[in-house]
Amino acid sequence: LVEGLLQRHGRSLVVREKTHEGTPMTLEQALYEMELVGHDFFLFMEKDSMRPSVVYLRKGYDYGVIHLDVTE
């Protein structure tokens, strides 16, 4: 898939990989952490469900959240 995209667009792909440690937290804590680091998104483990989630800044200054349901 990636090779096909590269061939169609004729450019190289640069991927930056980053690992960060964290403890499970609430959505409110994740919003605070996102604002603290100054990013427009923040990856976290939701405390109640233990699901990987991302909170992000939407256009218009409100927030969205994406939860990942892991299936086998």
PDB file of N, CA and C in Angstrom:
ATOM      1  N   LEU A   1       0.826  -1.196   0.000  1.00  0.00           N
ATOM      2  CA  LEU A   1       0.000   0.000   0.000  1.00  0.00           C
ATOM      3  C   LEU A   1       0.868   1.256   0.000  1.00  0.00           C
ATOM      4  N   VAL A   2       1.847   1.312   0.899  1.00  0.00           N
ATOM      5  CA  VAL A   2       2.711   2.492   0.980  1.00  0.00           C
ATOM      6  C   VAL A   2       3.498   2.670  -0.306  1.00  0.00           C
ATOM      7  N   GLU A   3       4.032   1.563  -0.850  1.00  0.00           N
ATOM      8  CA  GLU A   3       4.796   1.660  -2.098  1.00  0.00           C
ATOM      9  C   GLU A   3       3.922   2.171  -3.231  1.00  0.00           C
ATOM     10  N   GLY A   4       2.686   1.721  -3.283  1.00  0.00           N
ATOM     11  CA  GLY A   4       1.759   2.201  -4.306  1.00  0.00           C
ATOM     12  C   GLY A   4       1.497   3.688  -4.181  1.00  0.00           C
ATOM     13  N   LEU A   5       1.337   4.163  -2.973  1.00  0.00           N
ATOM     14  CA  LEU A   5       1.135   5.595  -2.751  1.00  0.00           C
ATOM     15  C   LEU A   5       2.358   6.391  -3.168  1.00  0.00           C
ATOM     16  N   LEU A   6       3.540   5.873  -2.838  1.00  0.00           N
ATOM     17  CA  LEU A   6       4.774   6.562  -3.211  1.00  0.00           C
ATOM     18  C   LEU A   6       4.922   6.635  -4.716  1.00  0.00           C
ATOM     19  N   GLN A   7       4.585   5.552  -5.417  1.00  0.00           N
ATOM     20  CA  GLN A   7       4.709   5.546  -6.871  1.00  0.00           C
ATOM     21  C   GLN A   7       3.731   6.531  -7.501  1.00  0.00           C
ATOM     22  N   ARG A   8       2.531   6.616  -6.962  1.00  0.00           N
ATOM     23  CA  ARG A   8       1.534   7.529  -7.521  1.00  0.00           C
ATOM     24  C   ARG A   8       1.886   8.986  -7.279  1.00  0.00           C
ATOM     25  N   HIS A   9       2.448   9.277  -6.128  1.00  0.00           N
ATOM     26  CA  HIS A   9       2.744  10.665  -5.785  1.00  0.00           C
ATOM     27  C   HIS A   9       4.185  11.058  -6.092  1.00  0.00           C
ATOM     28  N   GLY A  10       5.029  10.095  -6.423  1.00  0.00           N
ATOM     29  CA  GLY A  10       6.383  10.379  -6.858  1.00  0.00           C
ATOM     30  C   GLY A  10       7.282  11.035  -5.831  1.00  0.00           C
ATOM     31  N   ARG A  11       7.066  10.761  -4.577  1.00  0.00           N
ATOM     32  CA  ARG A  11       7.938  11.339  -3.553  1.00  0.00           C
ATOM     33  C   ARG A  11       8.239  10.308  -2.482  1.00  0.00           C
ATOM     34  N   SER A  12       9.279  10.595  -1.724  1.00  0.00           N
ATOM     35  CA  SER A  12       9.659   9.664  -0.662  1.00  0.00           C
ATOM     36  C   SER A  12       8.795   9.907   0.572  1.00  0.00           C
ATOM     37  N   LEU A  13       8.716   8.888   1.381  1.00  0.00           N
ATOM     38  CA  LEU A  13       7.917   8.953   2.593  1.00  0.00           C
ATOM     39  C   LEU A  13       8.840   9.058   3.792  1.00  0.00           C
ATOM     40  N   VAL A  14       8.631  10.068   4.600  1.00  0.00           N
ATOM     41  CA  VAL A  14       9.405  10.226   5.825  1.00  0.00           C
ATOM     42  C   VAL A  14       8.470   9.917   6.984  1.00  0.00           C
ATOM     43  N   VAL A  15       8.861   8.955   7.787  1.00  0.00           N
ATOM     44  CA  VAL A  15       8.050   8.567   8.935  1.00  0.00           C
ATOM     45  C   VAL A  15       8.846   8.830  10.198  1.00  0.00           C
ATOM     46  N   ARG A  16       8.254   9.552  11.093  1.00  0.00           N
ATOM     47  CA  ARG A  16       8.881   9.799  12.390  1.00  0.00           C
ATOM     48  C   ARG A  16       8.178   8.917  13.402  1.00  0.00           C
ATOM     49  N   GLU A  17       8.944   8.159  14.119  1.00  0.00           N
ATOM     50  CA  GLU A  17       8.380   7.258  15.118  1.00  0.00           C
ATOM     51  C   GLU A  17       8.739   7.770  16.501  1.00  0.00           C
ATOM     52  N   LYS A  18       7.755   7.780  17.385  1.00  0.00           N
ATOM     53  CA  LYS A  18       7.977   8.291  18.731  1.00  0.00           C
ATOM     54  C   LYS A  18       7.218   7.412  19.716  1.00  0.00           C
ATOM     55  N   THR A  19       7.851   7.107  20.824  1.00  0.00           N
ATOM     56  CA  THR A  19       7.218   6.334  21.889  1.00  0.00           C
ATOM     57  C   THR A  19       7.146   7.214  23.123  1.00  0.00           C
ATOM     58  N   HIS A  20       5.994   7.191  23.768  1.00  0.00           N
ATOM     59  CA  HIS A  20       5.920   7.955  25.013  1.00  0.00           C
ATOM     60  C   HIS A  20       5.238   7.116  26.080  1.00  0.00           C
ATOM     61  N   GLU A  21       5.720   7.291  27.286  1.00  0.00           N
ATOM     62  CA  GLU A  21       5.170   6.552  28.411  1.00  0.00           C
ATOM     63  C   GLU A  21       4.022   7.348  29.011  1.00  0.00           C
ATOM     64  N   GLY A  22       3.116   6.627  29.613  1.00  0.00           N
ATOM     65  CA  GLY A  22       2.015   7.310  30.260  1.00  0.00           C
ATOM     66  C   GLY A  22       1.256   6.368  31.167  1.00  0.00           C
ATOM     67  N   THR A  23       0.462   6.962  32.002  1.00  0.00           N
ATOM     68  CA  THR A  23      -0.409   6.193  32.874  1.00  0.00           C
ATOM     69  C   THR A  23      -1.841   6.427  32.424  1.00  0.00           C
ATOM     70  N   PRO A  24      -2.727   5.484  32.673  1.00  0.00           N
ATOM     71  CA  PRO A  24      -4.129   5.690  32.307  1.00  0.00           C
ATOM     72  C   PRO A  24      -4.658   6.985  32.928  1.00  0.00           C
ATOM     73  N   MET A  25      -5.480   7.706  32.172  1.00  0.00           N
ATOM     74  CA  MET A  25      -6.001   8.982  32.650  1.00  0.00           C
ATOM     75  C   MET A  25      -7.398   9.226  32.117  1.00  0.00           C
ATOM     76  N   THR A  26      -8.065  10.189  32.716  1.00  0.00           N
ATOM     77  CA  THR A  26      -9.395  10.584  32.268  1.00  0.00           C
ATOM     78  C   THR A  26      -9.268  11.505  31.056  1.00  0.00           C
ATOM     79  N   LEU A  27     -10.374  11.718  30.388  1.00  0.00           N
ATOM     80  CA  LEU A  27     -10.402  12.636  29.256  1.00  0.00           C
ATOM     81  C   LEU A  27      -9.989  14.041  29.694  1.00  0.00           C
ATOM     82  N   GLU A  28     -10.461  14.458  30.848  1.00  0.00           N
ATOM     83  CA  GLU A  28     -10.113  15.788  31.352  1.00  0.00           C
ATOM     84  C   GLU A  28      -8.607  15.917  31.587  1.00  0.00           C
ATOM     85  N   GLN A  29      -7.994  14.872  32.134  1.00  0.00           N
ATOM     86  CA  GLN A  29      -6.544  14.895  32.343  1.00  0.00           C
ATOM     87  C   GLN A  29      -5.807  14.943  31.007  1.00  0.00           C
ATOM     88  N   ALA A  30      -6.305  14.201  30.016  1.00  0.00           N
ATOM     89  CA  ALA A  30      -5.676  14.193  28.692  1.00  0.00           C
ATOM     90  C   ALA A  30      -5.760  15.572  28.042  1.00  0.00           C
ATOM     91  N   LEU A  31      -6.901  16.247  28.181  1.00  0.00           N
ATOM     92  CA  LEU A  31      -7.031  17.607  27.653  1.00  0.00           C
ATOM     93  C   LEU A  31      -6.021  18.546  28.310  1.00  0.00           C
ATOM     94  N   TYR A  32      -5.869  18.423  29.609  1.00  0.00           N
ATOM     95  CA  TYR A  32      -4.894  19.240  30.336  1.00  0.00           C
ATOM     96  C   TYR A  32      -3.480  18.976  29.824  1.00  0.00           C
ATOM     97  N   GLU A  33      -3.124  17.701  29.661  1.00  0.00           N
ATOM     98  CA  GLU A  33      -1.785  17.334  29.174  1.00  0.00           C
ATOM     99  C   GLU A  33      -1.557  17.847  27.757  1.00  0.00           C
ATOM    100  N   MET A  34      -2.586  17.766  26.910  1.00  0.00           N
ATOM    101  CA  MET A  34      -2.462  18.259  25.542  1.00  0.00           C
ATOM    102  C   MET A  34      -2.164  19.755  25.541  1.00  0.00           C
ATOM    103  N   GLU A  35      -2.891  20.498  26.346  1.00  0.00           N
ATOM    104  CA  GLU A  35      -2.655  21.938  26.446  1.00  0.00           C
ATOM    105  C   GLU A  35      -1.270  22.228  27.023  1.00  0.00           C
ATOM    106  N   LEU A  36      -0.846  21.416  27.973  1.00  0.00           N
ATOM    107  CA  LEU A  36       0.451  21.604  28.621  1.00  0.00           C
ATOM    108  C   LEU A  36       1.605  21.465  27.627  1.00  0.00           C
ATOM    109  N   VAL A  37       1.531  20.469  26.731  1.00  0.00           N
ATOM    110  CA  VAL A  37       2.612  20.265  25.764  1.00  0.00           C
ATOM    111  C   VAL A  37       2.452  21.123  24.513  1.00  0.00           C
ATOM    112  N   GLY A  38       1.287  21.755  24.345  1.00  0.00           N
ATOM    113  CA  GLY A  38       1.089  22.670  23.227  1.00  0.00           C
ATOM    114  C   GLY A  38       0.823  22.007  21.891  1.00  0.00           C
ATOM    115  N   HIS A  39       0.359  20.765  21.901  1.00  0.00           N
ATOM    116  CA  HIS A  39       0.032  20.074  20.654  1.00  0.00           C
ATOM    117  C   HIS A  39      -1.460  20.175  20.375  1.00  0.00           C
ATOM    118  N   ASP A  40      -1.855  19.843  19.140  1.00  0.00           N
ATOM    119  CA  ASP A  40      -3.281  19.852  18.821  1.00  0.00           C
ATOM    120  C   ASP A  40      -3.896  18.454  18.907  1.00  0.00           C
ATOM    121  N   PHE A  41      -3.141  17.478  19.429  1.00  0.00           N
ATOM    122  CA  PHE A  41      -3.672  16.144  19.702  1.00  0.00           C
ATOM    123  C   PHE A  41      -2.870  15.534  20.842  1.00  0.00           C
ATOM    124  N   PHE A  42      -3.449  14.513  21.482  1.00  0.00           N
ATOM    125  CA  PHE A  42      -2.754  13.840  22.574  1.00  0.00           C
ATOM    126  C   PHE A  42      -3.240  12.400  22.653  1.00  0.00           C
ATOM    127  N   LEU A  43      -2.299  11.468  22.583  1.00  0.00           N
ATOM    128  CA  LEU A  43      -2.588  10.039  22.686  1.00  0.00           C
ATOM    129  C   LEU A  43      -2.534   9.630  24.148  1.00  0.00           C
ATOM    130  N   PHE A  44      -3.560   8.889  24.602  1.00  0.00           N
ATOM    131  CA  PHE A  44      -3.589   8.470  26.001  1.00  0.00           C
ATOM    132  C   PHE A  44      -4.365   7.169  26.151  1.00  0.00           C
ATOM    133  N   MET A  45      -4.202   6.528  27.301  1.00  0.00           N
ATOM    134  CA  MET A  45      -4.947   5.325  27.646  1.00  0.00           C
ATOM    135  C   MET A  45      -6.081   5.760  28.571  1.00  0.00           C
ATOM    136  N   GLU A  46      -7.319   5.550  28.113  1.00  0.00           N
ATOM    137  CA  GLU A  46      -8.467   5.972  28.901  1.00  0.00           C
ATOM    138  C   GLU A  46      -8.588   5.135  30.175  1.00  0.00           C
ATOM    139  N   LYS A  47      -8.700   5.815  31.296  1.00  0.00           N
ATOM    140  CA  LYS A  47      -8.647   5.163  32.608  1.00  0.00           C
ATOM    141  C   LYS A  47      -9.785   4.160  32.823  1.00  0.00           C
ATOM    142  N   ASP A  48     -11.006   4.510  32.490  1.00  0.00           N
ATOM    143  CA  ASP A  48     -12.153   3.637  32.767  1.00  0.00           C
ATOM    144  C   ASP A  48     -12.203   2.416  31.858  1.00  0.00           C
ATOM    145  N   SER A  49     -11.946   2.604  30.578  1.00  0.00           N
ATOM    146  CA  SER A  49     -12.084   1.507  29.612  1.00  0.00           C
ATOM    147  C   SER A  49     -10.763   0.839  29.244  1.00  0.00           C
ATOM    148  N   MET A  50      -9.635   1.482  29.583  1.00  0.00           N
ATOM    149  CA  MET A  50      -8.294   1.010  29.207  1.00  0.00           C
ATOM    150  C   MET A  50      -8.131   0.918  27.685  1.00  0.00           C
ATOM    151  N   ARG A  51      -8.832   1.781  26.958  1.00  0.00           N
ATOM    152  CA  ARG A  51      -8.708   1.848  25.502  1.00  0.00           C
ATOM    153  C   ARG A  51      -7.711   2.928  25.107  1.00  0.00           C
ATOM    154  N   PRO A  52      -6.886   2.647  24.090  1.00  0.00           N
ATOM    155  CA  PRO A  52      -6.069   3.723  23.529  1.00  0.00           C
ATOM    156  C   PRO A  52      -7.008   4.768  22.913  1.00  0.00           C
ATOM    157  N   SER A  53      -6.739   6.027  23.161  1.00  0.00           N
ATOM    158  CA  SER A  53      -7.604   7.105  22.685  1.00  0.00           C
ATOM    159  C   SER A  53      -6.762   8.307  22.295  1.00  0.00           C
ATOM    160  N   VAL A  54      -7.335   9.147  21.457  1.00  0.00           N
ATOM    161  CA  VAL A  54      -6.684  10.399  21.053  1.00  0.00           C
ATOM    162  C   VAL A  54      -7.694  11.523  21.232  1.00  0.00           C
ATOM    163  N   VAL A  55      -7.297  12.549  21.954  1.00  0.00           N
ATOM    164  CA  VAL A  55      -8.085  13.768  22.031  1.00  0.00           C
ATOM    165  C   VAL A  55      -7.423  14.769  21.090  1.00  0.00           C
ATOM    166  N   TYR A  56      -8.232  15.570  20.390  1.00  0.00           N
ATOM    167  CA  TYR A  56      -7.667  16.496  19.410  1.00  0.00           C
ATOM    168  C   TYR A  56      -8.472  17.781  19.361  1.00  0.00           C
ATOM    169  N   LEU A  57      -7.798  18.838  18.945  1.00  0.00           N
ATOM    170  CA  LEU A  57      -8.417  20.149  18.788  1.00  0.00           C
ATOM    171  C   LEU A  57      -9.054  20.224  17.407  1.00  0.00           C
ATOM    172  N   ARG A  58     -10.337  20.525  17.386  1.00  0.00           N
ATOM    173  CA  ARG A  58     -11.064  20.655  16.122  1.00  0.00           C
ATOM    174  C   ARG A  58     -11.097  22.118  15.693  1.00  0.00           C
ATOM    175  N   LYS A  59     -11.452  22.325  14.438  1.00  0.00           N
ATOM    176  CA  LYS A  59     -11.648  23.702  13.979  1.00  0.00           C
ATOM    177  C   LYS A  59     -12.787  24.313  14.788  1.00  0.00           C
ATOM    178  N   GLY A  60     -12.666  25.555  15.128  1.00  0.00           N
ATOM    179  CA  GLY A  60     -13.705  26.213  15.914  1.00  0.00           C
ATOM    180  C   GLY A  60     -13.463  26.116  17.402  1.00  0.00           C
ATOM    181  N   TYR A  61     -12.308  25.625  17.784  1.00  0.00           N
ATOM    182  CA  TYR A  61     -11.875  25.625  19.183  1.00  0.00           C
ATOM    183  C   TYR A  61     -12.658  24.688  20.094  1.00  0.00           C
ATOM    184  N   ASP A  62     -13.251  23.622  19.537  1.00  0.00           N
ATOM    185  CA  ASP A  62     -13.791  22.586  20.405  1.00  0.00           C
ATOM    186  C   ASP A  62     -12.929  21.342  20.240  1.00  0.00           C
ATOM    187  N   TYR A  63     -13.239  20.291  20.960  1.00  0.00           N
ATOM    188  CA  TYR A  63     -12.386  19.110  20.998  1.00  0.00           C
ATOM    189  C   TYR A  63     -13.119  17.888  20.478  1.00  0.00           C
ATOM    190  N   GLY A  64     -12.357  16.918  19.995  1.00  0.00           N
ATOM    191  CA  GLY A  64     -12.880  15.622  19.596  1.00  0.00           C
ATOM    192  C   GLY A  64     -12.071  14.541  20.281  1.00  0.00           C
ATOM    193  N   VAL A  65     -12.627  13.342  20.313  1.00  0.00           N
ATOM    194  CA  VAL A  65     -11.896  12.214  20.890  1.00  0.00           C
ATOM    195  C   VAL A  65     -12.159  10.983  20.032  1.00  0.00           C
ATOM    196  N   ILE A  66     -11.107  10.226  19.780  1.00  0.00           N
ATOM    197  CA  ILE A  66     -11.186   8.974  19.028  1.00  0.00           C
ATOM    198  C   ILE A  66     -10.757   7.862  19.968  1.00  0.00           C
ATOM    199  N   HIS A  67     -11.590   6.817  20.065  1.00  0.00           N
ATOM    200  CA  HIS A  67     -11.275   5.651  20.893  1.00  0.00           C
ATOM    201  C   HIS A  67     -10.984   4.471  19.974  1.00  0.00           C
ATOM    202  N   LEU A  68     -10.022   3.658  20.335  1.00  0.00           N
ATOM    203  CA  LEU A  68      -9.683   2.469  19.562  1.00  0.00           C
ATOM    204  C   LEU A  68     -10.212   1.244  20.288  1.00  0.00           C
ATOM    205  N   ASP A  69     -11.113   0.508  19.637  1.00  0.00           N
ATOM    206  CA  ASP A  69     -11.578  -0.770  20.165  1.00  0.00           C
ATOM    207  C   ASP A  69     -10.714  -1.857  19.549  1.00  0.00           C
ATOM    208  N   VAL A  70      -9.938  -2.517  20.349  1.00  0.00           N
ATOM    209  CA  VAL A  70      -9.023  -3.552  19.876  1.00  0.00           C
ATOM    210  C   VAL A  70      -9.773  -4.872  19.800  1.00  0.00           C
ATOM    211  N   THR A  71      -9.745  -5.502  18.617  1.00  0.00           N
ATOM    212  CA  THR A  71     -10.378  -6.804  18.438  1.00  0.00           C
ATOM    213  C   THR A  71      -9.323  -7.802  18.016  1.00  0.00           C
ATOM    214  N   GLU A  72      -9.550  -9.027  18.343  1.00  0.00           N
ATOM    215  CA  GLU A  72      -8.606 -10.102  17.995  1.00  0.00           C
ATOM    216  C   GLU A  72      -8.868 -10.596  16.594  1.00  0.00           C
TER     217      GLU A  72
END
